[in-house]
N, C-alpha and C. Protein backbone atom coordinates (compact mmCIF):
# COMPACT_ATOMS: atom_id res chain seq x y z
N UNK A 1 1.35 -1.53 0.21
CA UNK A 1 -0.07 0.16 -0.44
C UNK A 1 0.87 0.82 -0.23
N UNK A 2 0.45 2.52 -0.46
CA UNK A 2 1.50 3.52 -0.57
C UNK A 2 1.28 4.37 0.51
N UNK A 3 2.13 4.90 0.95
CA UNK A 3 2.59 5.45 1.50
C UNK A 3 1.02 6.49 2.29
N UNK A 4 1.05 7.41 1.15
CA UNK A 4 -0.45 8.26 0.74
C UNK A 4 -1.76 7.17 1.60
N UNK A 5 -1.99 5.88 0.66
CA UNK A 5 -3.10 5.65 1.07
C UNK A 5 -2.48 5.11 2.79
N UNK A 6 -2.07 4.73 3.09
CA UNK A 6 -1.47 4.62 4.97
C UNK A 6 -1.68 5.20 5.84
N UNK A 7 -1.27 6.71 5.60
CA UNK A 7 -1.35 7.64 6.42
C UNK A 7 -3.06 8.34 5.81
N UNK A 8 -3.86 8.33 4.62
CA UNK A 8 -4.96 8.67 5.11
C UNK A 8 -5.34 7.77 5.94
N UNK A 9 -5.67 6.69 5.35
CA UNK A 9 -6.42 5.45 6.85
C UNK A 9 -5.96 5.86 8.16
N UNK A 10 -4.31 5.50 8.39
CA UNK A 10 -4.37 5.96 9.69
C UNK A 10 -5.45 7.30 10.32
N UNK A 11 -5.37 8.13 9.75
CA UNK A 11 -5.68 9.78 10.07
C UNK A 11 -7.13 9.73 10.35
N UNK A 12 -7.85 9.06 8.88
CA UNK A 12 -9.50 8.61 8.95
C UNK A 12 -9.77 8.11 10.22
N UNK A 13 -9.09 6.62 10.15
CA UNK A 13 -10.05 5.87 11.27
C UNK A 13 -9.05 6.63 13.19
N UNK A 14 -8.57 7.39 13.16
CA UNK A 14 -8.11 7.53 14.05
C UNK A 14 -9.26 8.99 14.52
N UNK A 15 -9.72 9.88 13.35
CA UNK A 15 -10.47 10.61 13.48
C UNK A 15 -11.81 10.29 13.66
N UNK A 16 -11.91 9.48 13.28
CA UNK A 16 -13.55 9.12 12.93
C UNK A 16 -14.25 7.58 13.61
N UNK A 17 -13.37 6.89 13.93
CA UNK A 17 -13.97 5.90 15.03
C UNK A 17 -14.07 6.12 16.23
N UNK A 18 -14.36 6.52 16.31
CA UNK A 18 -14.63 7.04 18.17
C UNK A 18 -15.87 5.59 18.95
N UNK A 19 -15.55 5.45 19.82
CA UNK A 19 -16.60 4.51 20.81
C UNK A 19 -17.90 4.97 20.21
N UNK A 20 -19.52 3.79 19.43
CA UNK A 20 -20.09 4.41 18.90
C UNK A 20 -20.77 4.75 19.90
N UNK A 21 -22.43 5.79 19.35
CA UNK A 21 -23.11 5.70 20.31
C UNK A 21 -24.57 4.61 20.81
N UNK A 22 -24.66 4.12 20.23
CA UNK A 22 -25.42 3.36 20.36
C UNK A 22 -24.60 2.11 19.64
N UNK A 23 -23.40 0.86 21.11
CA UNK A 23 -23.43 -0.14 20.52
C UNK A 23 -23.55 -1.16 20.03
N UNK A 24 -24.97 -1.23 20.17
CA UNK A 24 -25.65 -2.82 19.61
C UNK A 24 -25.57 -2.49 17.99
N UNK A 25 -25.76 -1.17 17.73
CA UNK A 25 -25.78 -0.91 16.13
C UNK A 25 -23.96 -0.91 15.48
N UNK A 26 -23.75 -1.19 16.14
CA UNK A 26 -22.27 -1.86 16.23
C UNK A 26 -21.43 -1.54 13.96
N UNK A 27 -22.00 -3.26 13.96
CA UNK A 27 -22.46 -3.04 12.20
C UNK A 27 -22.95 -2.19 11.66
N UNK A 28 -24.09 -1.25 11.62
CA UNK A 28 -24.35 -0.53 10.95
C UNK A 28 -23.34 0.68 10.72
N UNK A 29 -22.98 1.02 11.87
CA UNK A 29 -21.66 2.67 12.04
C UNK A 29 -20.48 2.00 10.93
N UNK A 30 -20.44 1.01 11.50
CA UNK A 30 -18.96 0.16 10.94
C UNK A 30 -19.51 0.43 9.34
N UNK A 31 -20.58 -0.21 8.79
CA UNK A 31 -20.87 -0.44 7.18
C UNK A 31 -20.88 0.97 6.93
N UNK A 32 -21.72 1.99 7.61
CA UNK A 32 -21.23 3.37 7.43
C UNK A 32 -20.41 3.87 6.89
N UNK A 33 -19.80 4.12 8.38
CA UNK A 33 -18.25 4.77 8.41
C UNK A 33 -17.23 4.22 6.66
N UNK A 34 -17.77 2.79 6.60
CA UNK A 34 -16.50 2.52 5.51
C UNK A 34 -17.03 3.01 4.51
N UNK A 35 -18.44 2.64 3.89
CA UNK A 35 -18.32 3.82 2.75
C UNK A 35 -17.78 5.02 2.68
N UNK A 36 -17.94 5.42 3.41
CA UNK A 36 -18.04 7.07 4.37
C UNK A 36 -16.58 7.24 3.91
N UNK A 37 -15.06 6.03 4.11
CA UNK A 37 -13.87 5.48 3.97
C UNK A 37 -14.08 6.01 2.30
N UNK A 38 -14.28 5.41 2.22
CA UNK A 38 -14.37 5.47 0.67
C UNK A 38 -14.55 5.74 -0.14
N UNK A 39 -15.64 6.51 -0.27
CA UNK A 39 -15.85 8.36 -0.81
C UNK A 39 -14.71 8.85 -0.42
N UNK A 40 -14.54 9.16 0.93
CA UNK A 40 -13.47 9.97 0.73
C UNK A 40 -11.74 9.76 0.37
N UNK A 41 -11.73 8.85 0.40
CA UNK A 41 -10.68 8.07 -0.12
C UNK A 41 -10.43 8.24 -1.27
N UNK A 42 -11.58 8.34 -2.37
CA UNK A 42 -11.88 8.61 -3.87
C UNK A 42 -11.47 9.98 -4.11
N UNK A 43 -12.37 10.30 -3.39
CA UNK A 43 -12.40 12.25 -3.41
C UNK A 43 -10.62 12.55 -3.00
N UNK A 44 -9.90 11.81 -2.15
CA UNK A 44 -8.47 12.61 -2.40
C UNK A 44 -7.31 11.85 -3.41
N UNK A 45 -8.13 10.91 -4.09
CA UNK A 45 -7.06 10.59 -4.99
C UNK A 45 -6.53 9.01 -4.70
N UNK A 46 -7.54 8.68 -3.75
CA UNK A 46 -6.58 6.90 -3.70
C UNK A 46 -7.95 6.51 -3.73
N UNK A 47 -7.39 5.47 -4.48
CA UNK A 47 -8.46 4.20 -4.69
C UNK A 47 -8.49 3.45 -3.60
N UNK A 48 -9.42 2.90 -3.16
CA UNK A 48 -10.02 2.34 -2.24
C UNK A 48 -8.78 0.69 -2.39
N UNK A 49 -9.26 -0.18 -3.53
CA UNK A 49 -7.53 -0.55 -3.66
C UNK A 49 -6.82 -0.88 -3.10
N UNK A 50 -5.57 0.10 -3.09
CA UNK A 50 -5.13 0.63 -1.87
C UNK A 50 -4.85 0.08 -1.00
N UNK A 51 -6.29 0.62 -0.83
CA UNK A 51 -6.21 0.46 0.95
C UNK A 51 -6.53 -1.30 1.14
N UNK A 52 -7.33 -1.67 0.18
CA UNK A 52 -8.28 -3.23 1.29
C UNK A 52 -6.84 -3.85 0.56
N UNK A 53 -5.78 -3.65 -0.52
CA UNK A 53 -4.38 -4.58 -0.48
C UNK A 53 -3.53 -4.99 0.89
N UNK A 54 -3.68 -3.88 1.91
CA UNK A 54 -2.91 -4.30 2.43
C UNK A 54 -3.72 -4.77 3.32
N UNK A 55 -5.00 -3.71 4.20
CA UNK A 55 -5.96 -4.15 5.69
C UNK A 55 -6.81 -4.92 5.02
N UNK A 56 -7.78 -5.47 4.03
CA UNK A 56 -7.94 -6.28 3.42
C UNK A 56 -9.52 -5.93 3.46
N UNK A 57 -11.24 -6.20 4.26
CA UNK A 57 -11.86 -5.62 4.48
C UNK A 57 -11.92 -4.61 5.30
N UNK A 58 -12.37 -2.93 5.01
CA UNK A 58 -12.04 -1.70 5.88
C UNK A 58 -13.39 -1.90 6.10
N UNK A 59 -14.73 -2.55 6.01
CA UNK A 59 -15.71 -2.53 7.41
C UNK A 59 -15.22 -3.40 7.99
N UNK A 60 -14.39 -4.08 7.82
CA UNK A 60 -13.90 -5.23 9.11
C UNK A 60 -13.49 -4.47 10.09
N UNK A 61 -11.81 -3.67 9.54
CA UNK A 61 -10.82 -3.31 10.51
C UNK A 61 -11.46 -1.58 11.18
N UNK A 62 -12.98 -1.15 10.36
CA UNK A 62 -13.13 -0.21 10.94
C UNK A 62 -14.87 -0.63 12.82
N UNK A 63 -15.12 -1.89 12.32
CA UNK A 63 -15.99 -2.76 13.10
C UNK A 63 -14.58 -2.49 14.52
N UNK A 64 -13.87 -3.42 13.97
CA UNK A 64 -12.55 -3.31 15.04
C UNK A 64 -12.57 -2.27 16.34
N UNK A 65 -12.06 -1.18 15.11
CA UNK A 65 -11.91 0.23 16.00
C UNK A 65 -12.38 0.22 16.38
N UNK A 66 -14.02 0.44 16.18
CA UNK A 66 -15.40 0.93 17.11
C UNK A 66 -14.74 0.16 18.55
N UNK A 67 -15.07 -1.01 18.11
CA UNK A 67 -15.01 -2.18 19.09
C UNK A 67 -14.51 -1.88 20.33
N UNK A 68 -12.75 -1.50 20.30
CA UNK A 68 -11.75 -1.10 20.48
C UNK A 68 -12.57 -0.16 21.59
N UNK A 69 -12.65 1.12 20.88
CA UNK A 69 -13.34 1.99 21.64
C UNK A 69 -14.16 2.25 22.28
N UNK A 70 -15.42 1.87 22.08
CA UNK A 70 -16.14 0.96 22.97
C UNK A 70 -16.29 0.34 24.45
N UNK A 71 -14.92 -0.44 24.76
CA UNK A 71 -13.90 -1.39 25.45
C UNK A 71 -13.67 0.01 26.21
N UNK A 72 -12.82 0.51 25.72
CA UNK A 72 -11.35 1.28 26.02
C UNK A 72 -12.81 2.55 26.75
N UNK A 73 -13.57 2.77 26.19
CA UNK A 73 -14.77 3.42 26.98
C UNK A 73 -15.62 3.07 28.00
N UNK A 74 -15.93 2.11 28.32
CA UNK A 74 -16.18 1.07 29.02
C UNK A 74 -15.53 1.13 30.03
N UNK A 75 -14.49 0.71 30.24
CA UNK A 75 -13.28 0.44 30.75
C UNK A 75 -12.94 1.75 31.44
N UNK A 76 -12.69 3.13 31.20
CA UNK A 76 -12.72 4.30 31.76
C UNK A 76 -13.55 4.41 32.56
N UNK A 77 -14.90 4.19 32.32
CA UNK A 77 -16.06 4.35 32.91
C UNK A 77 -15.84 3.53 34.23
N UNK A 78 -15.17 2.30 34.80
CA UNK A 78 -14.74 1.76 36.08
C UNK A 78 -14.11 1.77 36.87
N UNK A 79 -14.73 2.03 37.96
CA UNK A 79 -13.26 3.10 38.97
C UNK A 79 -12.63 1.86 39.22
N UNK A 80 -11.28 2.74 39.98
CA UNK A 80 -10.50 1.96 40.41
C UNK A 80 -10.83 0.83 41.70
N UNK A 81 -11.66 1.27 42.10
CA UNK A 81 -11.94 0.18 43.69
C UNK A 81 -12.96 -0.75 43.28
N UNK A 82 -13.64 -0.83 41.68
CA UNK A 82 -13.87 -1.89 40.97
C UNK A 82 -13.48 -2.62 40.08
N UNK A 83 -12.49 -1.81 39.39
CA UNK A 83 -11.61 -2.56 39.22
C UNK A 83 -10.31 -3.77 40.21
N UNK A 84 -10.36 -3.00 41.21
CA UNK A 84 -9.89 -4.19 42.30
C UNK A 84 -10.28 -4.98 42.46
N UNK A 85 -11.99 -4.94 42.99
CA UNK A 85 -12.65 -5.50 43.22
C UNK A 85 -12.53 -7.28 42.52
N UNK A 86 -12.68 -6.73 40.87
CA UNK A 86 -12.39 -7.36 39.70
C UNK A 86 -11.59 -8.24 39.76
N UNK A 87 -10.62 -7.48 39.53
CA UNK A 87 -9.41 -8.34 39.82
C UNK A 87 -8.97 -9.71 41.16
N UNK A 88 -9.49 -8.73 41.75
CA UNK A 88 -9.33 -9.91 42.99
C UNK A 88 -10.66 -11.00 43.27
N UNK A 89 -11.59 -11.22 42.38
CA UNK A 89 -12.29 -11.91 42.43
C UNK A 89 -12.07 -12.55 41.04
N UNK A 90 -10.93 -12.46 40.00
CA UNK A 90 -10.54 -13.20 38.53
C UNK A 90 -10.06 -14.66 39.71
N UNK A 91 -8.84 -13.66 40.24
CA UNK A 91 -7.60 -14.26 41.17
C UNK A 91 -8.33 -14.77 41.84
N UNK A 92 -9.61 -15.10 42.32
CA UNK A 92 -10.00 -15.98 43.46
C UNK A 92 -9.85 -15.52 45.02
N UNK A 93 -9.61 -13.77 45.12
CA UNK A 93 -9.57 -13.77 46.25
C UNK A 93 -10.32 -12.82 46.94
N UNK A 94 -11.09 -13.30 46.22
CA UNK A 94 -12.66 -12.28 46.67
C UNK A 94 -13.81 -13.02 46.36
């Protein structure tokens, strides 16, 4: 994949792949974002084929990043005391 395509995809995903508003509709959001990504890449002169050559299905890649963002947001909402309790429970300490 060209440097231009790599840079475009990294910037686009960093900007657009935030935690989904409705996690249950993650697949729909990934589909919409994949379409938007392809359109913006085309407007930037980057063929979708250049991106897909390296990463495969961009919808799957975007869904992966959305899931990561949702998980990170979920983890950030857990208090330190709750994290400690969960850790102790998982270790069999409580």
